[in-house]
Amino acid sequence: VCVCVCVLLYEFILCVCFVLCAFIIFSPHPSPLPVSSDIKLLKRVRRGWMWNQFFLQEEYTGSDYQYIGKLQSDQDHGDGSVKYVLSGEGAGTIFVIDENNGDLHATRRLDREEKAFYVLKATVVNKWTGQKLEPETEFIIKLHDINDNEPKFSKEVYTASVPERSDIGTSVTQVTATDADDTMYGNSAKLVYSISQGHPYFSVEPNTGVIRTALGPGDMDREQREHYQVVIEAKDMGGQRGGLTGSTVVKITLTDVNDNPPHFTQSIYQFRVPESSTSGSVVGRIQATDKDIGQNAEMDFTIISGDGMEMFDISTDKETQEGLVTVRKPLDYEKKPSYTIEIQVQNTQEYVRFVSSGPKDVATVRLAVDDVDEPPVFKKASYLYEVKEDVAVGTVVGSVSAMDPDRARSVVK
C-alpha cells in the first residue's frame, strides 16, 4: 500500500511541473510601452557668464593698476563686437574694466580694514546695436588681508590691586588687546601676550591676558614694597617672528592685610597724677606702632595686672590710636603714693592666617601720686557743749581739734 501511494504522489508532481512549464513558454509577452515623440531629452546647458567672487590683496604699492581678473562671455568671439560694462560699488573710480576684453583692475591702493569687500555687477552688450548679450550678473571683489595693523589694548594704562602675601598664581587683572586685521584669514590677528617688565613678581597667561602673582606670600609684602609697574605686550602672528606688537602699562598696588601685630614704643612708661584728680581725668598717653594701615592698624589696650587695676582705666583714642590712662577712683597720696600696672596691646581685628602664636606685646606703667596741699580736717564733724547762761566772759566752754591731712603735718592755727 505504501509503495502505491508513493508512486501516485510522484506522478502527480510531474504533471504539475509540466503544466507550469507549458504556461510559461506559450503565454504571450506584453509589448513595450510606446515612446512618445513629444518627450524631449533634458540636457544641462553650461553657462559661461556666472561669477562668484574675485580676490584682491590690500595695500598694493605698485605703480600700475592692480590686476584683479577677467570677465569672459561665451558671446565674445574675438571679433570686437562685444562690450563689457561694469556697475556697482566703486565702478569707474576704484574699479575699471577693459570694455574690449573684460580685464578688471583696481585703480588705487585699498585698505581691508576700511572696507572688506565690494559688490559689483557686469553685463555684455553688442557694441554696435547696444543689445544686451548677457544678463546682468552680480559678483564680489574681496580684499585679502595682510598684517598691517599692530595689536591695540583697550586702555593705555590699567590699574589693579591684589592683597599682599597672596598665594602664587592669584589672579590680579586681565588685559585685552584687539587687532584690526582679518581674524578669519591666517594669523594676522592671532595674539599672544607676554610680560616685558614686572618679572619676577608677576606673570601673564599667553592666550588670555590674565595677570597673576608669580611669587609666594613671603615675597609679596606691602610693608617692603607697595607699588609695581608691569608692562604687557601683545604680539600678532601667534607670537611668531615678524609679528607686530602693542604694549600697555599695568600699575599694581598691594593692598594691606593684618600681618603685623602692634608694639609699644617703650617697655616702661612713667606718669605723675595729682591726688586731687577726678574720675575720668587723663593721666597720660601710651603710644604703640603697627606697620599695617587702616582698620588693620586699629588697636585695643587693656590692663592685665598690677596694684592699680582698681584705680585706673585704659582706653583707645580712636583718632590717634593711643592708649589713654585715666583715673578710675579717687586717689589719696597719704594712703598710697604710687601704683604699677601692666598693660597689653593687640589689634581689634586679627587676620587668622597671620596671628602670631606668641604673647601679645606688654608694657609697664608706673604712676606716682602727687601730694596736694589739703585744708585741715577736724577730728570730729561736729562738737556739742553746754554752758550756763550766767557764765562769766572768758570762761572756757570746750575745745576743738584739727589736723593737717598732708604728710608734712603743718601746724594748724
Protein backbone atom coordinates (compact mmCIF):
# COMPACT_ATOMS: atom_id res chain seq x y z
CA VAL A 1 0.00 0.00 0.00
CA CYS A 2 2.81 2.42 0.91
CA VAL A 3 4.57 1.75 -2.39
CA CYS A 4 1.42 2.54 -4.38
CA VAL A 5 0.89 5.83 -2.55
CA CYS A 6 4.46 6.98 -3.25
CA VAL A 7 4.15 6.16 -6.97
CA LEU A 8 0.91 8.10 -7.30
CA LEU A 9 2.39 11.15 -5.49
CA TYR A 10 5.44 11.16 -7.77
CA GLU A 11 3.27 11.09 -10.93
CA PHE A 12 1.16 13.99 -9.59
CA ILE A 13 4.21 16.19 -9.04
CA LEU A 14 5.47 15.52 -12.58
CA CYS A 15 2.13 16.58 -14.05
CA VAL A 16 2.10 19.86 -12.14
CA CYS A 17 5.63 20.74 -13.28
CA PHE A 18 4.73 20.01 -16.94
CA VAL A 19 1.68 22.31 -16.85
CA LEU A 20 3.67 25.20 -15.34
CA CYS A 21 6.42 24.97 -17.95
CA ALA A 22 3.90 24.96 -20.79
CA PHE A 23 2.19 28.07 -19.39
CA ILE A 24 5.42 30.00 -19.19
CA ILE A 25 6.59 29.04 -22.67
CA PHE A 26 3.41 29.62 -24.62
CA SER A 27 1.90 32.61 -22.76
CA PRO A 28 2.05 35.91 -24.81
CA HIS A 29 4.61 38.56 -23.66
CA PRO A 30 3.42 42.18 -23.09
CA SER A 31 4.57 44.65 -25.72
CA PRO A 32 6.86 47.54 -24.60
CA LEU A 33 5.34 50.96 -23.93
CA PRO A 34 5.40 53.22 -26.97
CA VAL A 35 7.82 56.14 -26.80
CA SER A 36 6.02 59.40 -27.34
CA SER A 37 7.53 61.65 -29.93
CA ASP A 38 6.65 64.61 -27.69
CA ILE A 39 9.12 63.61 -24.91
CA LYS A 40 12.41 65.53 -25.24
CA LEU A 41 15.71 64.61 -23.61
CA LEU A 42 16.79 67.13 -20.92
CA LYS A 43 20.32 68.43 -21.23
CA ARG A 44 22.25 70.63 -18.70
CA VAL A 45 23.32 73.69 -20.50
CA ARG A 46 26.65 75.08 -19.25
CA ARG A 47 26.63 78.79 -18.70
CA GLY A 48 29.79 80.81 -19.21
CA TRP A 49 28.55 84.03 -17.62
CA MET A 50 28.31 83.24 -13.90
CA TRP A 51 30.73 84.80 -11.39
CA ASN A 52 31.09 84.43 -7.67
CA GLN A 53 33.97 86.49 -6.31
CA PHE A 54 37.42 87.81 -7.07
CA PHE A 55 40.23 88.35 -4.58
CA LEU A 56 42.46 91.39 -4.33
CA GLN A 57 45.35 91.97 -1.94
CA GLU A 58 45.06 95.10 0.16
CA GLU A 59 47.70 97.83 0.43
CA TYR A 60 49.05 97.31 -3.11
CA THR A 61 52.08 99.58 -3.65
CA GLY A 62 52.82 99.03 -7.34
CA SER A 63 52.93 101.87 -9.86
CA ASP A 64 50.46 100.26 -12.31
CA TYR A 65 46.83 99.42 -11.82
CA GLN A 66 46.42 96.21 -9.84
CA TYR A 67 45.10 93.34 -11.94
CA ILE A 68 42.07 91.57 -10.44
CA GLY A 69 40.86 89.08 -13.06
CA LYS A 70 38.96 88.67 -16.31
CA LEU A 71 35.26 88.51 -17.14
CA GLN A 72 34.69 86.18 -20.08
CA SER A 73 31.49 85.69 -22.08
CA ASP A 74 30.63 82.85 -24.47
CA GLN A 75 29.19 85.55 -26.73
CA ASP A 76 32.63 87.05 -27.18
CA HIS A 77 34.04 85.50 -30.37
CA GLY A 78 37.01 87.82 -30.52
CA ASP A 79 35.67 89.88 -33.42
CA GLY A 80 35.43 93.10 -31.38
CA SER A 81 31.65 93.22 -31.49
CA VAL A 82 31.03 92.91 -27.73
CA LYS A 83 31.42 95.45 -24.99
CA TYR A 84 31.87 94.69 -21.27
CA VAL A 85 30.01 97.02 -18.90
CA LEU A 86 30.71 97.36 -15.14
CA SER A 87 28.46 98.89 -12.44
CA GLY A 88 28.13 98.82 -8.67
CA GLU A 89 30.34 99.89 -5.74
CA GLY A 90 33.38 101.80 -6.97
CA ALA A 91 32.74 101.06 -10.65
CA GLY A 92 34.56 103.56 -12.84
CA THR A 93 36.50 105.06 -9.92
CA ILE A 94 38.02 102.34 -7.77
CA PHE A 95 37.50 99.55 -10.30
CA VAL A 96 37.69 99.72 -14.09
CA ILE A 97 37.06 97.14 -16.79
CA ASP A 98 38.55 96.92 -20.26
CA GLU A 99 35.39 97.03 -22.36
CA ASN A 100 37.04 95.08 -25.15
CA ASN A 101 38.40 92.04 -23.28
CA GLY A 102 36.81 92.10 -19.77
CA ASP A 103 40.03 92.63 -17.79
CA LEU A 104 39.36 94.04 -14.28
CA HIS A 105 41.78 96.39 -12.49
CA ALA A 106 41.88 98.38 -9.24
CA THR A 107 42.96 101.96 -9.73
CA ARG A 108 44.23 102.70 -6.23
CA ARG A 109 45.52 101.23 -3.01
CA LEU A 110 42.77 99.73 -0.84
CA ASP A 111 42.58 99.01 2.89
CA ARG A 112 40.64 95.95 4.05
CA GLU A 113 40.14 97.48 7.49
CA GLU A 114 38.22 100.36 5.87
CA LYS A 115 36.12 98.12 3.60
CA ALA A 116 36.49 94.36 3.31
CA PHE A 117 34.61 93.73 0.05
CA TYR A 118 32.79 95.42 -2.84
CA VAL A 119 29.66 94.28 -4.68
CA LEU A 120 29.64 94.92 -8.42
CA LYS A 121 27.60 93.93 -11.49
CA ALA A 122 28.66 93.22 -15.05
CA THR A 123 26.95 92.64 -18.38
CA VAL A 124 27.87 92.29 -22.06
CA VAL A 125 26.22 94.24 -24.88
CA ASN A 126 26.62 94.40 -28.63
CA LYS A 127 28.97 97.27 -29.28
CA TRP A 128 27.12 98.37 -32.44
CA THR A 129 23.47 97.83 -31.55
CA GLY A 130 23.55 98.10 -27.74
CA GLN A 131 21.65 94.81 -27.48
CA LYS A 132 22.29 93.01 -24.17
CA LEU A 133 24.02 89.73 -24.88
CA GLU A 134 24.38 88.53 -21.27
CA PRO A 135 22.15 89.09 -18.24
CA GLU A 136 23.44 91.43 -15.55
CA THR A 137 25.39 89.31 -13.08
CA GLU A 138 26.48 90.24 -9.54
CA PHE A 139 29.89 89.36 -8.15
CA ILE A 140 32.11 90.33 -5.20
CA ILE A 141 35.64 91.63 -5.02
CA LYS A 142 37.05 90.65 -1.63
CA LEU A 143 40.25 92.11 -0.21
CA HIS A 144 42.86 89.69 1.04
CA ASP A 145 44.26 90.74 4.41
CA ILE A 146 47.92 91.45 5.09
CA ASN A 147 49.40 92.00 8.54
CA ASP A 148 49.39 95.79 8.54
CA ASN A 149 47.82 96.53 11.94
CA GLU A 150 49.54 96.17 15.29
CA PRO A 151 47.54 94.99 18.33
CA LYS A 152 45.94 97.73 20.43
CA PHE A 153 44.96 97.45 24.08
CA SER A 154 41.63 98.76 25.32
CA LYS A 155 43.49 101.02 27.80
CA GLU A 156 46.86 102.72 27.70
CA VAL A 157 47.20 102.31 31.47
CA TYR A 158 45.46 99.74 33.66
CA THR A 159 45.24 99.94 37.45
CA ALA A 160 44.79 96.87 39.62
CA SER A 161 45.33 95.64 43.15
CA VAL A 162 45.94 92.34 44.90
CA PRO A 163 46.23 91.53 48.62
CA GLU A 164 49.77 91.27 49.90
CA ARG A 165 51.03 87.79 50.76
CA SER A 166 48.72 86.20 48.18
CA ASP A 167 49.48 82.67 47.01
CA ILE A 168 51.36 82.06 43.76
CA GLY A 169 49.00 82.22 40.80
CA THR A 170 46.47 84.58 42.36
CA SER A 171 44.60 86.47 39.61
CA VAL A 172 45.29 90.21 39.60
CA THR A 173 43.51 91.52 36.48
CA GLN A 174 43.04 90.84 32.77
CA VAL A 175 44.23 92.98 29.87
CA THR A 176 42.69 92.77 26.42
CA ALA A 177 44.07 93.74 23.03
CA THR A 178 42.45 93.64 19.60
CA ASP A 179 43.84 93.51 16.07
CA ALA A 180 42.05 95.12 13.13
CA ASP A 181 43.36 92.51 10.71
CA ASP A 182 41.20 89.64 9.47
CA THR A 183 40.60 87.07 12.22
CA MET A 184 39.39 84.51 9.65
CA TYR A 185 42.46 84.62 7.44
CA GLY A 186 45.90 83.48 8.57
CA ASN A 187 47.44 84.51 11.90
CA SER A 188 47.47 88.26 11.35
CA ALA A 189 45.03 88.77 14.22
CA LYS A 190 46.09 85.85 16.44
CA LEU A 191 47.53 87.46 19.57
CA VAL A 192 49.91 86.16 22.21
CA TYR A 193 50.54 88.08 25.45
CA SER A 194 53.89 88.35 27.21
CA ILE A 195 55.36 90.37 30.08
CA SER A 196 58.32 92.61 29.31
CA GLN A 197 58.55 94.38 32.67
CA GLY A 198 57.42 93.08 36.04
CA HIS A 199 59.47 89.91 36.46
CA PRO A 200 59.74 88.02 38.73
CA TYR A 201 56.74 89.28 40.66
CA PHE A 202 54.02 88.76 38.06
CA SER A 203 53.25 86.61 35.01
CA VAL A 204 50.68 86.76 32.20
CA GLU A 205 48.78 83.94 30.52
CA PRO A 206 49.77 83.97 26.80
CA ASN A 207 46.30 83.31 25.40
CA THR A 208 44.02 85.16 27.83
CA GLY A 209 45.97 88.17 29.10
CA VAL A 210 45.24 87.26 32.73
CA ILE A 211 47.95 88.64 35.03
CA ARG A 212 48.82 86.52 38.08
CA THR A 213 51.22 86.69 41.00
CA ALA A 214 54.43 84.79 40.36
CA LEU A 215 55.98 84.83 43.84
CA GLY A 216 54.79 83.39 47.13
CA PRO A 217 53.43 85.10 50.27
CA GLY A 218 56.88 85.66 51.74
CA ASP A 219 57.98 87.79 48.79
CA MET A 220 54.89 89.95 48.28
CA ASP A 221 54.96 92.10 51.42
CA ARG A 222 53.29 95.52 51.23
CA GLU A 223 55.40 96.80 54.10
CA GLN A 224 58.50 96.14 51.97
CA ARG A 225 57.12 97.33 48.61
CA GLU A 226 53.64 98.56 47.83
CA HIS A 227 53.58 99.61 44.15
CA TYR A 228 54.62 97.79 40.97
CA GLN A 229 54.59 98.79 37.30
CA VAL A 230 54.14 95.97 34.80
CA VAL A 231 54.44 96.23 31.00
CA ILE A 232 52.43 93.73 28.94
CA GLU A 233 52.97 93.16 25.21
CA ALA A 234 50.56 91.65 22.69
CA LYS A 235 52.11 90.22 19.51
CA ASP A 236 50.17 89.08 16.45
CA MET A 237 51.06 86.25 14.04
CA GLY A 238 50.65 83.94 17.02
CA GLY A 239 53.77 85.42 18.59
CA GLN A 240 56.00 84.35 15.70
CA ARG A 241 58.94 86.34 14.41
CA GLY A 242 57.85 89.21 12.22
CA GLY A 243 54.62 89.81 14.10
CA LEU A 244 53.59 93.31 15.12
CA THR A 245 53.39 94.26 18.80
CA GLY A 246 51.46 96.63 21.03
CA SER A 247 52.01 97.29 24.72
CA THR A 248 50.26 98.65 27.79
CA VAL A 249 51.20 99.57 31.36
CA VAL A 250 49.57 97.95 34.38
CA LYS A 251 50.01 99.70 37.74
CA ILE A 252 49.53 97.18 40.53
CA THR A 253 49.16 98.01 44.23
CA LEU A 254 49.50 95.52 47.05
CA THR A 255 46.62 96.04 49.47
CA ASP A 256 47.17 95.61 53.19
CA VAL A 257 46.31 92.56 55.25
CA ASN A 258 46.72 92.36 59.01
CA ASP A 259 50.05 90.55 59.07
CA ASN A 260 51.80 92.74 61.67
CA PRO A 261 50.93 92.99 65.39
CA PRO A 262 51.24 96.32 67.23
CA HIS A 263 54.23 97.03 69.51
CA PHE A 264 54.76 99.52 72.32
CA THR A 265 57.32 102.21 71.61
CA GLN A 266 58.92 101.61 75.03
CA SER A 267 58.77 98.94 77.70
CA ILE A 268 58.20 101.26 80.71
CA TYR A 269 56.03 104.37 80.89
CA GLN A 270 56.01 106.75 83.90
CA PHE A 271 53.37 109.32 84.77
CA ARG A 272 52.56 111.61 87.72
CA VAL A 273 48.98 112.21 88.79
CA PRO A 274 47.69 114.70 91.40
CA GLU A 275 45.77 113.06 94.18
CA SER A 276 43.01 115.58 93.56
CA SER A 277 42.33 114.24 90.05
CA THR A 278 38.70 113.42 89.46
CA SER A 279 37.36 110.22 87.94
CA GLY A 280 37.91 110.15 84.17
CA SER A 281 40.86 112.53 84.24
CA VAL A 282 43.55 111.64 81.67
CA VAL A 283 46.82 110.69 83.34
CA GLY A 284 48.90 110.01 80.20
CA ARG A 285 49.02 108.66 76.66
CA ILE A 286 50.60 105.35 75.65
CA GLN A 287 51.97 105.04 72.12
CA ALA A 288 52.26 101.84 70.10
CA THR A 289 53.09 101.31 66.42
CA ASP A 290 51.69 98.99 63.75
CA LYS A 291 53.18 98.59 60.27
CA ASP A 292 49.74 97.90 58.83
CA ILE A 293 47.30 100.61 57.81
CA GLY A 294 43.61 101.43 58.14
CA GLN A 295 41.46 99.00 60.09
CA ASN A 296 44.36 96.57 60.25
CA ALA A 297 46.24 99.08 62.44
CA GLU A 298 43.43 99.76 64.92
CA MET A 299 44.48 98.86 68.49
CA ASP A 300 42.90 97.78 71.74
CA PHE A 301 44.66 98.48 75.07
CA THR A 302 43.89 96.59 78.29
CA ILE A 303 45.21 96.46 81.87
CA ILE A 304 46.15 92.87 82.66
CA SER A 305 47.71 93.13 86.15
CA GLY A 306 49.13 95.41 88.84
CA ASP A 307 48.13 97.06 92.10
CA GLY A 308 46.46 99.90 90.21
CA MET A 309 43.89 97.82 88.32
CA GLU A 310 41.10 99.13 90.57
CA MET A 311 42.30 102.73 90.50
CA PHE A 312 42.99 103.31 86.79
CA ASP A 313 41.49 102.54 83.38
CA ILE A 314 42.92 102.48 79.86
CA SER A 315 41.07 103.04 76.59
CA THR A 316 41.92 103.77 72.93
CA ASP A 317 41.82 107.20 71.32
CA LYS A 318 40.09 106.42 68.00
CA GLU A 319 41.73 109.37 66.27
CA THR A 320 45.35 108.75 67.26
CA GLN A 321 45.22 105.05 68.23
CA GLU A 322 46.94 105.93 71.51
CA GLY A 323 46.16 104.33 74.85
CA LEU A 324 44.60 106.80 77.32
CA VAL A 325 45.32 106.08 81.00
CA THR A 326 42.57 107.64 83.15
CA VAL A 327 41.68 107.85 86.85
CA ARG A 328 39.00 105.40 87.87
CA LYS A 329 38.66 106.02 91.64
CA PRO A 330 39.72 108.92 93.94
CA LEU A 331 43.38 108.89 94.88
CA ASP A 332 44.92 109.60 98.27
CA TYR A 333 48.60 110.33 98.42
CA GLU A 334 48.68 109.75 102.15
CA LYS A 335 47.24 106.26 101.77
CA LYS A 336 49.18 105.12 98.69
CA PRO A 337 51.64 107.36 96.86
CA SER A 338 52.34 105.13 93.81
CA TYR A 339 50.90 102.37 91.64
CA THR A 340 52.11 99.99 88.94
CA ILE A 341 50.03 98.42 86.17
CA GLU A 342 50.86 96.05 83.32
CA ILE A 343 49.16 96.87 80.02
CA GLN A 344 48.72 94.89 76.79
CA VAL A 345 48.04 95.97 73.19
CA GLN A 346 46.56 94.00 70.29
CA ASN A 347 44.67 94.64 67.05
CA THR A 348 40.91 94.98 67.15
CA GLN A 349 40.73 92.77 64.04
CA GLU A 350 43.03 89.84 63.51
CA TYR A 351 43.75 88.02 60.25
CA VAL A 352 43.69 84.39 61.35
CA ARG A 353 46.25 83.38 58.74
CA PHE A 354 48.89 85.66 60.28
CA VAL A 355 48.01 85.65 64.00
CA SER A 356 51.23 85.20 65.95
CA SER A 357 51.37 82.23 68.28
CA GLY A 358 53.50 84.23 70.75
CA PRO A 359 52.27 86.55 73.56
CA LYS A 360 50.80 89.99 72.89
CA ASP A 361 53.09 92.96 73.47
CA VAL A 362 53.14 94.08 77.11
CA ALA A 363 54.49 97.22 78.84
CA THR A 364 54.74 98.54 82.42
CA VAL A 365 53.16 101.81 83.57
CA ARG A 366 54.37 103.41 86.81
CA LEU A 367 52.07 106.02 88.32
CA ALA A 368 53.25 108.41 91.06
CA VAL A 369 50.54 110.20 93.05
CA ASP A 370 51.43 113.83 93.79
CA ASP A 371 50.53 115.27 97.19
CA VAL A 372 48.15 118.22 97.11
CA ASP A 373 48.02 120.83 99.96
CA GLU A 374 44.73 119.91 101.52
CA PRO A 375 42.88 122.02 104.13
CA PRO A 376 42.98 120.98 107.82
CA VAL A 377 40.48 118.40 108.89
CA PHE A 378 38.65 118.47 112.25
CA LYS A 379 38.80 115.31 114.24
CA LYS A 380 35.03 115.42 114.62
CA ALA A 381 32.43 116.51 112.20
CA SER A 382 30.55 118.36 114.99
CA TYR A 383 31.00 119.36 118.62
CA LEU A 384 28.32 119.95 121.31
CA TYR A 385 28.97 121.83 124.60
CA GLU A 386 26.61 123.10 127.33
CA VAL A 387 27.19 126.40 129.14
CA LYS A 388 25.28 128.19 131.88
CA GLU A 389 23.62 131.41 130.99
CA ASP A 390 25.31 133.41 133.72
CA VAL A 391 28.83 132.21 132.99
CA ALA A 392 31.47 134.88 133.05
CA VAL A 393 33.08 136.17 129.91
CA GLY A 394 36.24 134.27 129.07
CA THR A 395 35.12 131.05 130.62
CA VAL A 396 36.35 128.01 128.62
CA VAL A 397 33.37 126.23 127.17
CA GLY A 398 35.28 123.40 125.38
CA SER A 399 37.93 122.73 122.75
CA VAL A 400 38.07 121.50 119.12
CA SER A 401 40.92 119.70 117.41
CA ALA A 402 42.01 119.74 113.76
CA MET A 403 44.97 118.34 111.88
CA ASP A 404 46.75 118.72 108.55
CA PRO A 405 45.99 115.61 106.44
CA ASP A 406 49.11 116.16 104.33
CA ARG A 407 52.19 114.17 105.06
CA ALA A 408 54.04 117.34 106.05
CA ARG A 409 51.67 117.75 109.02
CA SER A 410 51.79 121.52 109.00
CA VAL A 411 50.74 123.38 112.17
CA VAL A 412 47.04 124.11 112.23
CA LYS A 413 46.03 127.51 113.53
